[in-house]
Amino acid sequence: TVPDFSATDLDGKPISLQQYRGKVVLLDFWAVWCGPCLGEMPNVKQVYATYKDQGFDIIGVSLDTDETRLRDYLKENEIPWRQICSEQGWQSPLAQQYGINSIPAPWLIARDGKLITHKARGEKLEQLVVEALKDRSTNQ
């Protein structure tokens, strides 16, 4: 099971993994300065739009050090899901907690909180989300 975290999102609201239990969650470690992350974003948006009403959600964990630049990108690209950014880059508490040393690091987490993969990208992302949504067990 992926360990829980508690943080504050960009809107100043508390956020934790536990709040998402029962959903399939993409915990997406990324940054605006990461070319491959930005390259993947249209795919992630597409999967989100398709499956968000079926129990899929995303938490963005940005390793950016400039929150203004991050906010501008989110607004320009209409990224709707919640984001966490401590502006500490690799030293961010969540990057440290989960041992993140390269991005993109898209962790797909099942409804029961177990890690499916930490490489949920490209065409595999949608396939994995579809499979995970079929599994209704949540072990609440």
C-alpha atoms as a PDB file:
ATOM      1  CA  THR A   1       0.000   0.000   0.000  1.00  0.00           C
ATOM      2  CA  VAL A   2       1.258   3.472  -0.878  1.00  0.00           C
ATOM      3  CA  PRO A   3       1.888   5.415   2.364  1.00  0.00           C
ATOM      4  CA  ASP A   4      -0.501   8.278   3.053  1.00  0.00           C
ATOM      5  CA  PHE A   5       0.654  11.885   3.027  1.00  0.00           C
ATOM      6  CA  SER A   6      -0.872  15.131   4.146  1.00  0.00           C
ATOM      7  CA  ALA A   7      -0.069  18.393   2.426  1.00  0.00           C
ATOM      8  CA  THR A   8      -1.695  21.623   1.291  1.00  0.00           C
ATOM      9  CA  ASP A   9      -2.766  22.064  -2.320  1.00  0.00           C
ATOM     10  CA  LEU A  10      -2.251  25.221  -4.395  1.00  0.00           C
ATOM     11  CA  ASP A  11      -5.642  26.519  -3.247  1.00  0.00           C
ATOM     12  CA  GLY A  12      -4.531  26.276   0.384  1.00  0.00           C
ATOM     13  CA  LYS A  13      -6.762  23.276   1.119  1.00  0.00           C
ATOM     14  CA  PRO A  14      -5.554  20.200   3.008  1.00  0.00           C
ATOM     15  CA  ILE A  15      -5.046  17.161   0.800  1.00  0.00           C
ATOM     16  CA  SER A  16      -4.144  13.567   1.584  1.00  0.00           C
ATOM     17  CA  LEU A  17      -4.074  10.288  -0.275  1.00  0.00           C
ATOM     18  CA  GLN A  18      -6.598   8.892   2.214  1.00  0.00           C
ATOM     19  CA  GLN A  19      -9.211  11.369   0.875  1.00  0.00           C
ATOM     20  CA  TYR A  20      -9.026   9.513  -2.440  1.00  0.00           C
ATOM     21  CA  ARG A  21      -9.421   5.964  -1.107  1.00  0.00           C
ATOM     22  CA  GLY A  22     -11.991   4.131  -3.231  1.00  0.00           C
ATOM     23  CA  LYS A  23     -10.801   5.918  -6.379  1.00  0.00           C
ATOM     24  CA  VAL A  24      -8.115   5.012  -8.874  1.00  0.00           C
ATOM     25  CA  VAL A  25      -5.536   7.782  -8.468  1.00  0.00           C
ATOM     26  CA  LEU A  26      -2.643   8.984 -10.579  1.00  0.00           C
ATOM     27  CA  LEU A  27      -0.129  10.544  -8.180  1.00  0.00           C
ATOM     28  CA  ASP A  28       1.789  12.467 -10.806  1.00  0.00           C
ATOM     29  CA  PHE A  29       5.252  13.804  -9.913  1.00  0.00           C
ATOM     30  CA  TRP A  30       6.161  16.362 -12.577  1.00  0.00           C
ATOM     31  CA  ALA A  31       7.391  19.921 -13.235  1.00  0.00           C
ATOM     32  CA  VAL A  32       6.924  22.684 -15.793  1.00  0.00           C
ATOM     33  CA  TRP A  33      10.668  22.544 -16.614  1.00  0.00           C
ATOM     34  CA  CYS A  34      10.447  18.822 -17.473  1.00  0.00           C
ATOM     35  CA  GLY A  35      10.015  18.394 -21.248  1.00  0.00           C
ATOM     36  CA  PRO A  36       8.802  14.772 -21.119  1.00  0.00           C
ATOM     37  CA  CYS A  37       6.268  15.753 -18.419  1.00  0.00           C
ATOM     38  CA  LEU A  38       4.798  18.472 -20.635  1.00  0.00           C
ATOM     39  CA  GLY A  39       4.847  16.101 -23.608  1.00  0.00           C
ATOM     40  CA  GLU A  40       2.721  13.645 -21.642  1.00  0.00           C
ATOM     41  CA  MET A  41       0.212  16.247 -20.396  1.00  0.00           C
ATOM     42  CA  PRO A  42      -2.239  16.092 -23.362  1.00  0.00           C
ATOM     43  CA  ASN A  43      -2.489  12.309 -22.860  1.00  0.00           C
ATOM     44  CA  VAL A  44      -3.040  12.700 -19.107  1.00  0.00           C
ATOM     45  CA  LYS A  45      -5.726  15.359 -19.720  1.00  0.00           C
ATOM     46  CA  GLN A  46      -7.485  13.088 -22.213  1.00  0.00           C
ATOM     47  CA  VAL A  47      -7.534  10.132 -19.801  1.00  0.00           C
ATOM     48  CA  TYR A  48      -8.737  12.401 -16.982  1.00  0.00           C
ATOM     49  CA  ALA A  49     -11.563  13.840 -19.098  1.00  0.00           C
ATOM     50  CA  THR A  50     -12.657  10.349 -20.161  1.00  0.00           C
ATOM     51  CA  TYR A  51     -12.602   8.619 -16.763  1.00  0.00           C
ATOM     52  CA  LYS A  52     -13.004  11.296 -14.061  1.00  0.00           C
ATOM     53  CA  ASP A  53     -16.712  10.490 -13.685  1.00  0.00           C
ATOM     54  CA  GLN A  54     -15.990   6.777 -13.330  1.00  0.00           C
ATOM     55  CA  GLY A  55     -13.830   6.940 -10.207  1.00  0.00           C
ATOM     56  CA  PHE A  56     -10.480   8.154 -11.586  1.00  0.00           C
ATOM     57  CA  ASP A  57      -8.676  11.200 -10.210  1.00  0.00           C
ATOM     58  CA  ILE A  58      -5.257  12.821 -10.352  1.00  0.00           C
ATOM     59  CA  ILE A  59      -3.081  14.554  -7.783  1.00  0.00           C
ATOM     60  CA  GLY A  60      -0.261  16.563  -9.321  1.00  0.00           C
ATOM     61  CA  VAL A  61       2.909  16.850  -7.263  1.00  0.00           C
ATOM     62  CA  SER A  62       4.954  19.601  -8.864  1.00  0.00           C
ATOM     63  CA  LEU A  63       8.697  19.760  -8.275  1.00  0.00           C
ATOM     64  CA  ASP A  64       8.743  23.332  -9.540  1.00  0.00           C
ATOM     65  CA  THR A  65      10.542  25.981  -7.499  1.00  0.00           C
ATOM     66  CA  ASP A  66       8.522  28.855  -8.999  1.00  0.00           C
ATOM     67  CA  GLU A  67       4.850  28.646  -8.066  1.00  0.00           C
ATOM     68  CA  THR A  68       3.886  31.563 -10.327  1.00  0.00           C
ATOM     69  CA  ARG A  69       5.267  29.789 -13.382  1.00  0.00           C
ATOM     70  CA  LEU A  70       3.420  26.636 -12.349  1.00  0.00           C
ATOM     71  CA  ARG A  71       0.126  28.512 -11.874  1.00  0.00           C
ATOM     72  CA  ASP A  72       0.528  30.189 -15.286  1.00  0.00           C
ATOM     73  CA  TYR A  73       1.067  26.812 -16.957  1.00  0.00           C
ATOM     74  CA  LEU A  74      -1.945  25.253 -15.201  1.00  0.00           C
ATOM     75  CA  LYS A  75      -4.161  28.156 -16.240  1.00  0.00           C
ATOM     76  CA  GLU A  76      -2.937  28.344 -19.850  1.00  0.00           C
ATOM     77  CA  ASN A  77      -3.335  24.596 -20.305  1.00  0.00           C
ATOM     78  CA  GLU A  78      -6.570  24.276 -18.310  1.00  0.00           C
ATOM     79  CA  ILE A  79      -5.274  21.586 -15.962  1.00  0.00           C
ATOM     80  CA  PRO A  80      -8.250  20.934 -13.660  1.00  0.00           C
ATOM     81  CA  TRP A  81      -6.969  18.506 -11.020  1.00  0.00           C
ATOM     82  CA  ARG A  82      -5.437  19.438  -7.674  1.00  0.00           C
ATOM     83  CA  GLN A  83      -1.754  20.289  -7.412  1.00  0.00           C
ATOM     84  CA  ILE A  84       0.749  20.273  -4.577  1.00  0.00           C
ATOM     85  CA  CYS A  85       3.876  22.419  -4.809  1.00  0.00           C
ATOM     86  CA  SER A  86       6.235  23.243  -1.945  1.00  0.00           C
ATOM     87  CA  GLU A  87       8.593  25.195  -4.274  1.00  0.00           C
ATOM     88  CA  GLN A  88      11.465  23.035  -2.969  1.00  0.00           C
ATOM     89  CA  GLY A  89      12.128  21.015  -6.114  1.00  0.00           C
ATOM     90  CA  TRP A  90      13.780  17.678  -5.385  1.00  0.00           C
ATOM     91  CA  GLN A  91      13.793  18.555  -1.674  1.00  0.00           C
ATOM     92  CA  SER A  92      10.005  18.700  -1.648  1.00  0.00           C
ATOM     93  CA  PRO A  93       8.627  16.669   1.288  1.00  0.00           C
ATOM     94  CA  LEU A  94       6.622  14.371  -0.997  1.00  0.00           C
ATOM     95  CA  ALA A  95       9.533  13.780  -3.394  1.00  0.00           C
ATOM     96  CA  GLN A  96      11.612  12.847  -0.351  1.00  0.00           C
ATOM     97  CA  GLN A  97       8.889  10.684   1.206  1.00  0.00           C
ATOM     98  CA  TYR A  98       8.371   8.672  -1.982  1.00  0.00           C
ATOM     99  CA  GLY A  99      12.026   8.581  -3.046  1.00  0.00           C
ATOM    100  CA  ILE A 100      11.477  10.452  -6.316  1.00  0.00           C
ATOM    101  CA  ASN A 101      14.768  11.097  -8.138  1.00  0.00           C
ATOM    102  CA  SER A 102      13.571  11.428 -11.735  1.00  0.00           C
ATOM    103  CA  ILE A 103      10.415  12.711 -13.398  1.00  0.00           C
ATOM    104  CA  PRO A 104       7.938  12.175 -14.863  1.00  0.00           C
ATOM    105  CA  ALA A 105       7.024   9.676 -12.147  1.00  0.00           C
ATOM    106  CA  PRO A 106       3.341   8.870 -12.654  1.00  0.00           C
ATOM    107  CA  TRP A 107       2.272   6.509  -9.849  1.00  0.00           C
ATOM    108  CA  LEU A 108      -1.031   4.774 -10.523  1.00  0.00           C
ATOM    109  CA  ILE A 109      -2.742   3.712  -7.309  1.00  0.00           C
ATOM    110  CA  ALA A 110      -5.646   1.259  -7.083  1.00  0.00           C
ATOM    111  CA  ARG A 111      -8.912   1.889  -5.213  1.00  0.00           C
ATOM    112  CA  ASP A 112      -7.524  -0.039  -2.227  1.00  0.00           C
ATOM    113  CA  GLY A 113      -4.425   2.188  -2.013  1.00  0.00           C
ATOM    114  CA  LYS A 114      -1.988  -0.304  -3.547  1.00  0.00           C
ATOM    115  CA  LEU A 115       0.554   0.792  -6.154  1.00  0.00           C
ATOM    116  CA  ILE A 116      -0.199  -0.551  -9.636  1.00  0.00           C
ATOM    117  CA  THR A 117       2.853   0.993 -11.329  1.00  0.00           C
ATOM    118  CA  HIS A 118       5.102   4.048 -11.083  1.00  0.00           C
ATOM    119  CA  LYS A 119       5.388   4.219 -14.886  1.00  0.00           C
ATOM    120  CA  ALA A 120       1.788   4.969 -15.947  1.00  0.00           C
ATOM    121  CA  ARG A 121       2.487   6.840 -19.203  1.00  0.00           C
ATOM    122  CA  GLY A 122       1.638   6.925 -22.871  1.00  0.00           C
ATOM    123  CA  GLU A 123      -0.830   4.373 -24.240  1.00  0.00           C
ATOM    124  CA  LYS A 124      -0.322   2.234 -21.138  1.00  0.00           C
ATOM    125  CA  LEU A 125      -1.916   4.885 -18.928  1.00  0.00           C
ATOM    126  CA  GLU A 126      -5.412   4.499 -20.371  1.00  0.00           C
ATOM    127  CA  GLN A 127      -5.187   0.684 -20.470  1.00  0.00           C
ATOM    128  CA  LEU A 128      -4.078   0.576 -16.828  1.00  0.00           C
ATOM    129  CA  VAL A 129      -6.801   3.000 -15.712  1.00  0.00           C
ATOM    130  CA  VAL A 130      -9.500   0.962 -17.497  1.00  0.00           C
ATOM    131  CA  GLU A 131      -8.266  -2.245 -15.835  1.00  0.00           C
ATOM    132  CA  ALA A 132      -8.024  -0.612 -12.408  1.00  0.00           C
ATOM    133  CA  LEU A 133     -11.532   0.868 -12.631  1.00  0.00           C
ATOM    134  CA  LYS A 134     -12.962  -2.622 -13.258  1.00  0.00           C
ATOM    135  CA  ASP A 135     -11.679  -3.736  -9.869  1.00  0.00           C
ATOM    136  CA  ARG A 136     -14.253  -2.599  -7.319  1.00  0.00           C
ATOM    137  CA  SER A 137     -12.485  -3.828  -4.178  1.00  0.00           C
ATOM    138  CA  THR A 138     -11.544  -0.983  -1.881  1.00  0.00           C
ATOM    139  CA  ASN A 139     -10.658  -2.749   1.401  1.00  0.00           C
ATOM    140  CA  GLN A 140     -12.011   0.280   3.260  1.00  0.00           C
END
